[in-house]
């Protein structure tokens, strides 16, 4: 299923998307439940009844989970080529241990970073002058758990979406820990849709990123250093994953910091992230004074 969270007349709704018919069909959910976005569907044995379809153009698409219940789990240096390009950048606090990590590097972004498809991403020049893009597949946890084994991990996956893990590279380097550089306002575009786990084969799914129409990243989730089962097992070892948790699985090579000189984003740039089987997430970057 392809699912979306939308606003209709100021009310949040969750429902099915049919791209062929260009329709959105809302589930008959109480408005207070719909506030959680597609997370409101997780854990249900049956889906709610649906309302009448609407033309997709009549609804305002929001992020699938507009405000995650807690920080988004993220993974650093999880494609071989990106691990090497980042280790050479001078911003990699883990480079002394080698370009390719021996274990997953886990960090997080705060929930308030999430913005939807076509929302503006803000570049605050007073905070950072080195803004970068990172195209990523994001996992949405369905069944929570602690101490999940890798061989059982995919049973805990509800679905997937797209995120752009926007990063202030200078802040990332300055503070060594990555939270501040990753968690600036608007730094996690997400969407436009979520798809259930049966929709795509994440062992072989193409991922691309364009900046102003120029292809910058072109890879496949099958090339992850640490696959999704390993990530779930790593995070859940002593930390209880909860339904609706989001794990951004890492970005491939081709980010701005990998160029010489770096090709950082500026006001007016548009970044488009495409993942086969999910869709395309596109956002324009805008400079603000504060």
C-alpha atoms as a PDB file:
ATOM      1  CA  UNK A   1       0.000   0.000   0.000  1.00  0.00           C
ATOM      2  CA  UNK A   2       1.006   3.578  -0.645  1.00  0.00           C
ATOM      3  CA  UNK A   3      -0.136   5.811   2.206  1.00  0.00           C
ATOM      4  CA  UNK A   4      -0.131   9.517   2.909  1.00  0.00           C
ATOM      5  CA  UNK A   5      -0.868  12.008   5.633  1.00  0.00           C
ATOM      6  CA  UNK A   6      -2.646  15.075   4.284  1.00  0.00           C
ATOM      7  CA  UNK A   7      -4.490  18.191   5.345  1.00  0.00           C
ATOM      8  CA  UNK A   8      -8.025  18.733   4.047  1.00  0.00           C
ATOM      9  CA  UNK A   9      -9.628  21.991   5.029  1.00  0.00           C
ATOM     10  CA  UNK A  10      -7.249  22.285   7.937  1.00  0.00           C
ATOM     11  CA  UNK A  11      -7.986  18.765   9.226  1.00  0.00           C
ATOM     12  CA  UNK A  12      -5.356  16.033   9.172  1.00  0.00           C
ATOM     13  CA  UNK A  13      -6.307  12.786   7.460  1.00  0.00           C
ATOM     14  CA  UNK A  14      -4.508   9.530   6.705  1.00  0.00           C
ATOM     15  CA  UNK A  15      -5.324   7.410   3.677  1.00  0.00           C
ATOM     16  CA  UNK A  16      -4.474   5.539   0.516  1.00  0.00           C
ATOM     17  CA  UNK A  17      -2.821   7.065  -2.534  1.00  0.00           C
ATOM     18  CA  UNK A  18      -3.546   5.832  -6.054  1.00  0.00           C
ATOM     19  CA  UNK A  19      -1.012   7.418  -8.383  1.00  0.00           C
ATOM     20  CA  UNK A  20      -2.628   5.961 -11.503  1.00  0.00           C
ATOM     21  CA  UNK A  21      -5.981   7.551 -10.663  1.00  0.00           C
ATOM     22  CA  UNK A  22      -4.359  10.507  -8.862  1.00  0.00           C
ATOM     23  CA  UNK A  23      -6.656  10.064  -5.885  1.00  0.00           C
ATOM     24  CA  UNK A  24      -6.430  10.135  -2.105  1.00  0.00           C
ATOM     25  CA  UNK A  25      -8.886   8.014  -0.109  1.00  0.00           C
ATOM     26  CA  UNK A  26      -8.998   8.802   3.601  1.00  0.00           C
ATOM     27  CA  UNK A  27      -9.525   6.208   6.284  1.00  0.00           C
ATOM     28  CA  UNK A  28     -12.412   6.830   8.665  1.00  0.00           C
ATOM     29  CA  UNK A  29     -10.156   7.632  11.619  1.00  0.00           C
ATOM     30  CA  UNK A  30     -10.985   9.913  14.548  1.00  0.00           C
ATOM     31  CA  UNK A  31      -9.219  13.239  14.036  1.00  0.00           C
ATOM     32  CA  UNK A  32      -7.180  12.810  17.218  1.00  0.00           C
ATOM     33  CA  UNK A  33      -5.769   9.523  15.910  1.00  0.00           C
ATOM     34  CA  UNK A  34      -5.020  11.029  12.495  1.00  0.00           C
ATOM     35  CA  UNK A  35      -2.740  13.573  14.196  1.00  0.00           C
ATOM     36  CA  UNK A  36      -0.129  10.800  14.410  1.00  0.00           C
ATOM     37  CA  UNK A  37      -0.045  10.429  10.624  1.00  0.00           C
ATOM     38  CA  UNK A  38       0.463   6.971   9.156  1.00  0.00           C
ATOM     39  CA  UNK A  39       1.712   5.831  12.570  1.00  0.00           C
ATOM     40  CA  UNK A  40      -1.982   5.668  13.518  1.00  0.00           C
ATOM     41  CA  UNK A  41      -2.272   2.589  11.274  1.00  0.00           C
ATOM     42  CA  UNK A  42       0.560   0.651  12.898  1.00  0.00           C
ATOM     43  CA  UNK A  43      -0.491  -2.290  15.023  1.00  0.00           C
ATOM     44  CA  UNK A  44      -4.027  -2.552  13.669  1.00  0.00           C
ATOM     45  CA  UNK A  45      -5.180  -6.054  12.730  1.00  0.00           C
ATOM     46  CA  UNK A  46      -7.569  -4.549  10.162  1.00  0.00           C
ATOM     47  CA  UNK A  47      -7.608  -1.178   8.461  1.00  0.00           C
ATOM     48  CA  UNK A  48     -10.452   1.283   9.099  1.00  0.00           C
ATOM     49  CA  UNK A  49     -13.212   1.794   6.561  1.00  0.00           C
ATOM     50  CA  UNK A  50     -12.471   4.328   3.841  1.00  0.00           C
ATOM     51  CA  UNK A  51     -14.272   7.519   2.871  1.00  0.00           C
ATOM     52  CA  UNK A  52     -14.933   8.763  -0.660  1.00  0.00           C
ATOM     53  CA  UNK A  53     -11.864   9.333  -2.876  1.00  0.00           C
ATOM     54  CA  UNK A  54     -10.664  12.870  -3.542  1.00  0.00           C
ATOM     55  CA  UNK A  55      -8.499  14.191  -6.344  1.00  0.00           C
ATOM     56  CA  UNK A  56      -4.916  14.203  -5.089  1.00  0.00           C
ATOM     57  CA  UNK A  57      -4.600  17.820  -6.191  1.00  0.00           C
ATOM     58  CA  UNK A  58      -7.268  18.848  -3.681  1.00  0.00           C
ATOM     59  CA  UNK A  59      -5.306  17.805  -0.607  1.00  0.00           C
ATOM     60  CA  UNK A  60      -2.160  19.231   0.985  1.00  0.00           C
ATOM     61  CA  UNK A  61       0.359  16.450   1.451  1.00  0.00           C
ATOM     62  CA  UNK A  62       2.186  16.422   4.795  1.00  0.00           C
ATOM     63  CA  UNK A  63       5.072  14.255   5.970  1.00  0.00           C
ATOM     64  CA  UNK A  64       3.889  10.651   6.510  1.00  0.00           C
ATOM     65  CA  UNK A  65       4.692  10.982  10.243  1.00  0.00           C
ATOM     66  CA  UNK A  66       4.519  14.765  10.731  1.00  0.00           C
ATOM     67  CA  UNK A  67       6.013  14.676  14.228  1.00  0.00           C
ATOM     68  CA  UNK A  68       7.719  11.420  15.203  1.00  0.00           C
ATOM     69  CA  UNK A  69       7.184  10.332  18.777  1.00  0.00           C
ATOM     70  CA  UNK A  70      10.903  10.652  19.494  1.00  0.00           C
ATOM     71  CA  UNK A  71      14.203  11.330  17.780  1.00  0.00           C
ATOM     72  CA  UNK A  72      14.813   9.809  14.367  1.00  0.00           C
ATOM     73  CA  UNK A  73      17.565   7.184  14.486  1.00  0.00           C
ATOM     74  CA  UNK A  74      20.175   7.803  11.773  1.00  0.00           C
ATOM     75  CA  UNK A  75      23.154   5.858  10.468  1.00  0.00           C
ATOM     76  CA  UNK A  76      26.451   7.403   9.396  1.00  0.00           C
ATOM     77  CA  UNK A  77      28.894   6.131   6.756  1.00  0.00           C
ATOM     78  CA  UNK A  78      26.768   3.186   5.636  1.00  0.00           C
ATOM     79  CA  UNK A  79      27.793   2.994   1.956  1.00  0.00           C
ATOM     80  CA  UNK A  80      31.426   2.146   1.128  1.00  0.00           C
ATOM     81  CA  UNK A  81      32.064   4.976  -1.342  1.00  0.00           C
ATOM     82  CA  UNK A  82      30.433   7.550   0.922  1.00  0.00           C
ATOM     83  CA  UNK A  83      32.447   6.300   3.898  1.00  0.00           C
ATOM     84  CA  UNK A  84      35.640   7.002   1.945  1.00  0.00           C
ATOM     85  CA  UNK A  85      34.538  10.420   0.638  1.00  0.00           C
ATOM     86  CA  UNK A  86      33.478  11.525   4.122  1.00  0.00           C
ATOM     87  CA  UNK A  87      36.626  10.261   5.832  1.00  0.00           C
ATOM     88  CA  UNK A  88      38.666  12.517   3.506  1.00  0.00           C
ATOM     89  CA  UNK A  89      36.505  15.589   4.141  1.00  0.00           C
ATOM     90  CA  UNK A  90      38.075  16.698   7.418  1.00  0.00           C
ATOM     91  CA  UNK A  91      34.661  16.625   9.141  1.00  0.00           C
ATOM     92  CA  UNK A  92      34.725  12.955  10.153  1.00  0.00           C
ATOM     93  CA  UNK A  93      35.365  12.608  13.882  1.00  0.00           C
ATOM     94  CA  UNK A  94      35.529   8.808  13.478  1.00  0.00           C
ATOM     95  CA  UNK A  95      38.140   8.781  10.698  1.00  0.00           C
ATOM     96  CA  UNK A  96      40.955   7.702  13.022  1.00  0.00           C
ATOM     97  CA  UNK A  97      39.249   4.325  13.371  1.00  0.00           C
ATOM     98  CA  UNK A  98      39.281   3.849   9.590  1.00  0.00           C
ATOM     99  CA  UNK A  99      37.172   5.018   6.669  1.00  0.00           C
ATOM    100  CA  UNK A 100      34.766   2.073   6.774  1.00  0.00           C
ATOM    101  CA  UNK A 101      33.234   1.573  10.242  1.00  0.00           C
ATOM    102  CA  UNK A 102      33.459  -1.808  11.937  1.00  0.00           C
ATOM    103  CA  UNK A 103      30.090  -1.262  13.610  1.00  0.00           C
ATOM    104  CA  UNK A 104      27.108   0.948  12.697  1.00  0.00           C
ATOM    105  CA  UNK A 105      27.486   4.615  13.607  1.00  0.00           C
ATOM    106  CA  UNK A 106      24.181   5.690  15.154  1.00  0.00           C
ATOM    107  CA  UNK A 107      23.105   9.279  15.828  1.00  0.00           C
ATOM    108  CA  UNK A 108      19.774  11.092  15.805  1.00  0.00           C
ATOM    109  CA  UNK A 109      17.757  14.080  14.588  1.00  0.00           C
ATOM    110  CA  UNK A 110      15.109  15.734  16.726  1.00  0.00           C
ATOM    111  CA  UNK A 111      11.441  15.247  15.677  1.00  0.00           C
ATOM    112  CA  UNK A 112      10.920  18.959  15.001  1.00  0.00           C
ATOM    113  CA  UNK A 113      13.248  18.800  11.974  1.00  0.00           C
ATOM    114  CA  UNK A 114      10.568  17.026   9.897  1.00  0.00           C
ATOM    115  CA  UNK A 115       8.995  18.930   7.006  1.00  0.00           C
ATOM    116  CA  UNK A 116       6.954  17.601   4.060  1.00  0.00           C
ATOM    117  CA  UNK A 117       7.505  17.312   0.331  1.00  0.00           C
ATOM    118  CA  UNK A 118       7.768  20.760  -1.333  1.00  0.00           C
ATOM    119  CA  UNK A 119       8.286  22.550   1.998  1.00  0.00           C
ATOM    120  CA  UNK A 120      11.133  25.053   2.176  1.00  0.00           C
ATOM    121  CA  UNK A 121      14.342  24.033   3.908  1.00  0.00           C
ATOM    122  CA  UNK A 122      15.868  27.004   5.711  1.00  0.00           C
ATOM    123  CA  UNK A 123      19.524  27.975   5.444  1.00  0.00           C
ATOM    124  CA  UNK A 124      20.392  30.176   8.426  1.00  0.00           C
ATOM    125  CA  UNK A 125      23.663  31.844   7.442  1.00  0.00           C
ATOM    126  CA  UNK A 126      24.163  33.014  11.025  1.00  0.00           C
ATOM    127  CA  UNK A 127      24.320  29.368  12.121  1.00  0.00           C
ATOM    128  CA  UNK A 128      25.987  27.582   9.193  1.00  0.00           C
ATOM    129  CA  UNK A 129      27.506  28.209   5.777  1.00  0.00           C
ATOM    130  CA  UNK A 130      28.047  24.557   4.817  1.00  0.00           C
ATOM    131  CA  UNK A 131      24.662  22.955   4.145  1.00  0.00           C
ATOM    132  CA  UNK A 132      24.662  19.511   2.546  1.00  0.00           C
ATOM    133  CA  UNK A 133      22.095  16.995   1.280  1.00  0.00           C
ATOM    134  CA  UNK A 134      21.860  13.255   2.028  1.00  0.00           C
ATOM    135  CA  UNK A 135      19.359  11.024   0.221  1.00  0.00           C
ATOM    136  CA  UNK A 136      18.228   8.141   2.427  1.00  0.00           C
ATOM    137  CA  UNK A 137      15.788   5.266   2.704  1.00  0.00           C
ATOM    138  CA  UNK A 138      13.972   5.397   6.043  1.00  0.00           C
ATOM    139  CA  UNK A 139      12.548   2.379   7.861  1.00  0.00           C
ATOM    140  CA  UNK A 140       9.319   2.707   9.863  1.00  0.00           C
ATOM    141  CA  UNK A 141       9.128   0.267  12.765  1.00  0.00           C
ATOM    142  CA  UNK A 142       5.847  -1.589  13.183  1.00  0.00           C
ATOM    143  CA  UNK A 143       6.393  -4.040  16.000  1.00  0.00           C
ATOM    144  CA  UNK A 144       8.523  -2.714  18.824  1.00  0.00           C
ATOM    145  CA  UNK A 145      10.996  -4.740  20.788  1.00  0.00           C
ATOM    146  CA  UNK A 146      14.272  -4.988  22.648  1.00  0.00           C
ATOM    147  CA  UNK A 147      17.117  -7.349  21.857  1.00  0.00           C
ATOM    148  CA  UNK A 148      15.734  -8.083  18.385  1.00  0.00           C
ATOM    149  CA  UNK A 149      17.863 -10.625  16.516  1.00  0.00           C
ATOM    150  CA  UNK A 150      18.920  -9.899  12.946  1.00  0.00           C
ATOM    151  CA  UNK A 151      17.100 -12.973  11.640  1.00  0.00           C
ATOM    152  CA  UNK A 152      13.805 -11.702  13.126  1.00  0.00           C
ATOM    153  CA  UNK A 153      14.344  -8.006  12.461  1.00  0.00           C
ATOM    154  CA  UNK A 154      12.355  -7.661   9.239  1.00  0.00           C
ATOM    155  CA  UNK A 155       9.265  -8.904  11.097  1.00  0.00           C
ATOM    156  CA  UNK A 156       9.449  -5.607  12.999  1.00  0.00           C
ATOM    157  CA  UNK A 157       9.385  -3.410   9.864  1.00  0.00           C
ATOM    158  CA  UNK A 158       6.036  -1.820   8.998  1.00  0.00           C
ATOM    159  CA  UNK A 159       7.137   0.197   5.976  1.00  0.00           C
ATOM    160  CA  UNK A 160       9.446   2.733   4.363  1.00  0.00           C
ATOM    161  CA  UNK A 161       9.635   6.363   3.347  1.00  0.00           C
ATOM    162  CA  UNK A 162      12.211   8.835   1.983  1.00  0.00           C
ATOM    163  CA  UNK A 163      14.205  11.356   3.995  1.00  0.00           C
ATOM    164  CA  UNK A 164      16.781  13.974   3.116  1.00  0.00           C
ATOM    165  CA  UNK A 165      19.184  14.032   6.054  1.00  0.00           C
ATOM    166  CA  UNK A 166      20.158  17.688   5.592  1.00  0.00           C
ATOM    167  CA  UNK A 167      23.373  18.488   7.429  1.00  0.00           C
ATOM    168  CA  UNK A 168      25.300  21.587   8.504  1.00  0.00           C
ATOM    169  CA  UNK A 169      28.803  20.236   7.875  1.00  0.00           C
ATOM    170  CA  UNK A 170      30.615  23.006   9.749  1.00  0.00           C
ATOM    171  CA  UNK A 171      28.501  22.387  12.867  1.00  0.00           C
ATOM    172  CA  UNK A 172      28.967  18.647  12.460  1.00  0.00           C
ATOM    173  CA  UNK A 173      32.718  19.102  12.492  1.00  0.00           C
ATOM    174  CA  UNK A 174      32.804  21.763  15.207  1.00  0.00           C
ATOM    175  CA  UNK A 175      30.886  19.769  17.804  1.00  0.00           C
ATOM    176  CA  UNK A 176      32.098  16.233  16.924  1.00  0.00           C
ATOM    177  CA  UNK A 177      28.760  14.830  18.094  1.00  0.00           C
ATOM    178  CA  UNK A 178      26.373  15.281  15.170  1.00  0.00           C
ATOM    179  CA  UNK A 179      23.056  16.201  16.802  1.00  0.00           C
ATOM    180  CA  UNK A 180      23.331  19.988  16.412  1.00  0.00           C
ATOM    181  CA  UNK A 181      24.522  19.884  12.799  1.00  0.00           C
ATOM    182  CA  UNK A 182      21.784  17.403  11.897  1.00  0.00           C
ATOM    183  CA  UNK A 183      18.915  18.938  13.880  1.00  0.00           C
ATOM    184  CA  UNK A 184      18.588  22.494  12.599  1.00  0.00           C
ATOM    185  CA  UNK A 185      14.986  23.520  11.928  1.00  0.00           C
ATOM    186  CA  UNK A 186      13.555  21.972   8.698  1.00  0.00           C
ATOM    187  CA  UNK A 187      16.568  19.635   8.272  1.00  0.00           C
ATOM    188  CA  UNK A 188      14.552  16.430   7.739  1.00  0.00           C
ATOM    189  CA  UNK A 189      12.318  16.581   4.668  1.00  0.00           C
ATOM    190  CA  UNK A 190      10.250  13.384   4.649  1.00  0.00           C
ATOM    191  CA  UNK A 191       7.795  11.772   2.232  1.00  0.00           C
ATOM    192  CA  UNK A 192       5.898  12.273   0.124  1.00  0.00           C
ATOM    193  CA  UNK A 193       4.411   8.876   0.929  1.00  0.00           C
ATOM    194  CA  UNK A 194       5.034   5.846   3.076  1.00  0.00           C
ATOM    195  CA  UNK A 195       4.793   2.359   1.598  1.00  0.00           C
ATOM    196  CA  UNK A 196       4.181  -0.861   3.472  1.00  0.00           C
ATOM    197  CA  UNK A 197       7.041  -3.344   3.715  1.00  0.00           C
ATOM    198  CA  UNK A 198       5.664  -5.620   0.996  1.00  0.00           C
ATOM    199  CA  UNK A 199       5.874  -2.867  -1.647  1.00  0.00           C
ATOM    200  CA  UNK A 200       9.642  -2.841  -2.216  1.00  0.00           C
ATOM    201  CA  UNK A 201      12.616  -5.184  -1.975  1.00  0.00           C
ATOM    202  CA  UNK A 202      15.113  -3.197   0.075  1.00  0.00           C
ATOM    203  CA  UNK A 203      17.863  -5.647  -0.856  1.00  0.00           C
ATOM    204  CA  UNK A 204      17.743  -4.124  -4.350  1.00  0.00           C
ATOM    205  CA  UNK A 205      16.146  -0.679  -4.512  1.00  0.00           C
ATOM    206  CA  UNK A 206      17.580   2.226  -6.497  1.00  0.00           C
ATOM    207  CA  UNK A 207      18.154   5.569  -4.779  1.00  0.00           C
ATOM    208  CA  UNK A 208      19.026   8.839  -6.538  1.00  0.00           C
ATOM    209  CA  UNK A 209      19.484  12.484  -5.649  1.00  0.00           C
ATOM    210  CA  UNK A 210      19.420  15.513  -7.953  1.00  0.00           C
ATOM    211  CA  UNK A 211      20.486  19.071  -7.164  1.00  0.00           C
ATOM    212  CA  UNK A 212      18.942  21.578  -9.572  1.00  0.00           C
ATOM    213  CA  UNK A 213      18.376  18.696 -11.984  1.00  0.00           C
ATOM    214  CA  UNK A 214      21.976  17.438 -11.828  1.00  0.00           C
ATOM    215  CA  UNK A 215      22.340  13.806 -10.746  1.00  0.00           C
ATOM    216  CA  UNK A 216      24.601  13.760  -7.681  1.00  0.00           C
ATOM    217  CA  UNK A 217      23.843  10.445  -5.951  1.00  0.00           C
ATOM    218  CA  UNK A 218      23.003   7.215  -7.774  1.00  0.00           C
ATOM    219  CA  UNK A 219      23.137   3.969  -5.825  1.00  0.00           C
ATOM    220  CA  UNK A 220      21.187   1.012  -4.509  1.00  0.00           C
ATOM    221  CA  UNK A 221      20.125  -0.032  -1.014  1.00  0.00           C
ATOM    222  CA  UNK A 222      21.662  -3.420  -1.710  1.00  0.00           C
ATOM    223  CA  UNK A 223      25.042  -1.716  -1.246  1.00  0.00           C
ATOM    224  CA  UNK A 224      24.513  -0.803   2.412  1.00  0.00           C
ATOM    225  CA  UNK A 225      27.505  -1.748   4.566  1.00  0.00           C
ATOM    226  CA  UNK A 226      25.166  -2.684   7.417  1.00  0.00           C
ATOM    227  CA  UNK A 227      21.812  -3.968   6.184  1.00  0.00           C
ATOM    228  CA  UNK A 228      18.473  -3.193   7.804  1.00  0.00           C
ATOM    229  CA  UNK A 229      18.377  -6.344   9.976  1.00  0.00           C
ATOM    230  CA  UNK A 230      21.819  -5.461  11.359  1.00  0.00           C
ATOM    231  CA  UNK A 231      20.740  -1.887  12.086  1.00  0.00           C
ATOM    232  CA  UNK A 232      17.616  -3.006  13.930  1.00  0.00           C
ATOM    233  CA  UNK A 233      19.581  -5.571  15.936  1.00  0.00           C
ATOM    234  CA  UNK A 234      22.229  -2.967  16.802  1.00  0.00           C
ATOM    235  CA  UNK A 235      19.817  -0.247  17.927  1.00  0.00           C
ATOM    236  CA  UNK A 236      17.528  -2.597  19.855  1.00  0.00           C
ATOM    237  CA  UNK A 237      20.336  -4.201  21.850  1.00  0.00           C
ATOM    238  CA  UNK A 238      19.387  -2.739  25.234  1.00  0.00           C
ATOM    239  CA  UNK A 239      17.236   0.030  23.737  1.00  0.00           C
ATOM    240  CA  UNK A 240      13.554  -0.715  23.200  1.00  0.00           C
ATOM    241  CA  UNK A 241      12.334   0.195  19.731  1.00  0.00           C
ATOM    242  CA  UNK A 242       8.768   1.463  19.636  1.00  0.00           C
ATOM    243  CA  UNK A 243       6.071   1.278  16.937  1.00  0.00           C
ATOM    244  CA  UNK A 244       6.428   4.333  14.712  1.00  0.00           C
ATOM    245  CA  UNK A 245      10.167   4.739  15.293  1.00  0.00           C
ATOM    246  CA  UNK A 246      12.063   5.824  12.182  1.00  0.00           C
ATOM    247  CA  UNK A 247      15.536   4.659  11.142  1.00  0.00           C
ATOM    248  CA  UNK A 248      17.289   6.581   8.341  1.00  0.00           C
ATOM    249  CA  UNK A 249      19.662   4.006   6.873  1.00  0.00           C
ATOM    250  CA  UNK A 250      22.488   6.203   5.559  1.00  0.00           C
ATOM    251  CA  UNK A 251      23.380   8.033   2.371  1.00  0.00           C
ATOM    252  CA  UNK A 252      25.413   6.953  -0.668  1.00  0.00           C
ATOM    253  CA  UNK A 253      28.358   8.764  -2.237  1.00  0.00           C
ATOM    254  CA  UNK A 254      27.876  12.047  -4.059  1.00  0.00           C
ATOM    255  CA  UNK A 255      27.110  14.451  -1.228  1.00  0.00           C
ATOM    256  CA  UNK A 256      28.371  18.019  -1.470  1.00  0.00           C
ATOM    257  CA  UNK A 257      31.263  17.499   0.956  1.00  0.00           C
ATOM    258  CA  UNK A 258      32.651  14.817  -1.346  1.00  0.00           C
ATOM    259  CA  UNK A 259      33.531  17.312  -4.107  1.00  0.00           C
ATOM    260  CA  UNK A 260      36.752  19.328  -4.286  1.00  0.00           C
ATOM    261  CA  UNK A 261      35.941  22.054  -3.494  1.00  0.00           C
ATOM    262  CA  UNK A 262      32.744  21.098  -1.628  1.00  0.00           C
ATOM    263  CA  UNK A 263      29.487  21.935  -3.370  1.00  0.00           C
ATOM    264  CA  UNK A 264      27.283  23.187  -0.556  1.00  0.00           C
ATOM    265  CA  UNK A 265      23.664  24.198  -1.009  1.00  0.00           C
ATOM    266  CA  UNK A 266      22.614  27.815  -1.340  1.00  0.00           C
ATOM    267  CA  UNK A 267      19.352  29.720  -1.399  1.00  0.00           C
ATOM    268  CA  UNK A 268      17.264  28.851  -4.458  1.00  0.00           C
ATOM    269  CA  UNK A 269      18.668  25.325  -4.868  1.00  0.00           C
ATOM    270  CA  UNK A 270      16.230  22.434  -5.267  1.00  0.00           C
ATOM    271  CA  UNK A 271      17.033  18.918  -4.071  1.00  0.00           C
ATOM    272  CA  UNK A 272      15.071  15.939  -5.351  1.00  0.00           C
ATOM    273  CA  UNK A 273      15.441  12.479  -3.805  1.00  0.00           C
ATOM    274  CA  UNK A 274      13.997   9.476  -5.661  1.00  0.00           C
ATOM    275  CA  UNK A 275      13.649   5.936  -4.363  1.00  0.00           C
ATOM    276  CA  UNK A 276      12.128   3.350  -6.680  1.00  0.00           C
ATOM    277  CA  UNK A 277       8.837   1.985  -5.406  1.00  0.00           C
ATOM    278  CA  UNK A 278       8.263   4.922  -3.059  1.00  0.00           C
ATOM    279  CA  UNK A 279       8.379   8.144  -5.066  1.00  0.00           C
ATOM    280  CA  UNK A 280      10.181  11.477  -5.153  1.00  0.00           C
ATOM    281  CA  UNK A 281      10.812  13.993  -2.374  1.00  0.00           C
ATOM    282  CA  UNK A 282      11.622  17.514  -3.575  1.00  0.00           C
ATOM    283  CA  UNK A 283      12.430  20.616  -1.531  1.00  0.00           C
ATOM    284  CA  UNK A 284      13.685  24.110  -2.245  1.00  0.00           C
ATOM    285  CA  UNK A 285      16.304  25.704  -0.009  1.00  0.00           C
ATOM    286  CA  UNK A 286      15.890  29.296   1.130  1.00  0.00           C
ATOM    287  CA  UNK A 287      18.296  31.586   2.981  1.00  0.00           C
ATOM    288  CA  UNK A 288      16.948  33.323   6.082  1.00  0.00           C
ATOM    289  CA  UNK A 289      18.477  35.935   8.375  1.00  0.00           C
ATOM    290  CA  UNK A 290      17.890  34.005  11.582  1.00  0.00           C
END
